[in-house]
Amino acid sequence: MTSEPFRYLLRVRYGECDAQGIVYNARWADYVDIAASEFTRALFGSITAMDLKLVKLAIEWRASARFDDVLELRVSTLRVGTTSFETTTELRRFGDHALLATATTIYVAVDAAGVKRAIASDERAKLEAGALGVVVDHAGMPT
């Protein structure tokens, strides 16, 4: 078994860049959200298998990304609580692996009515194990 975390690859599109030619700051949250959806799909087989509410997203930027860059988002579970869990996402440029940003995200499990609920033991086990070695490639890159 590999120790590589879950990885999601995407290519920066022209419309995601600002007038300076770099990825607009709000787009980074979109990238983290898409990677989280793919991480959830890898863990549970569906993005709707576990209803979640985002309660916190913090991003720390280190460098810029530009149009046509391929980004590699590495998602790992940091901790699992009774009703919530925290993930970290490293956003790197594919190829040179330069760390561009990191994001910390906290989600709360909810029922169909949107009420907070406990994380089931099977869900906890999957979250704690992560989706090691899984790569979802929406950029068409050789991995």
Foldseek 3Di string as FASTA:
>chain_A
DFPAFEKEKDFAAQVQADPVQWGDPVVVVVVVVVSVQVQCCLLPVHSPPWDKDWDDKDKDFDATHGHGFMWMWGKAWDDFDFFKTKIKIFIAGPPVRHGGMMMITMMGTADPVRHGDTQDPSNRVSRNVTNPPHYHYPPPDDD
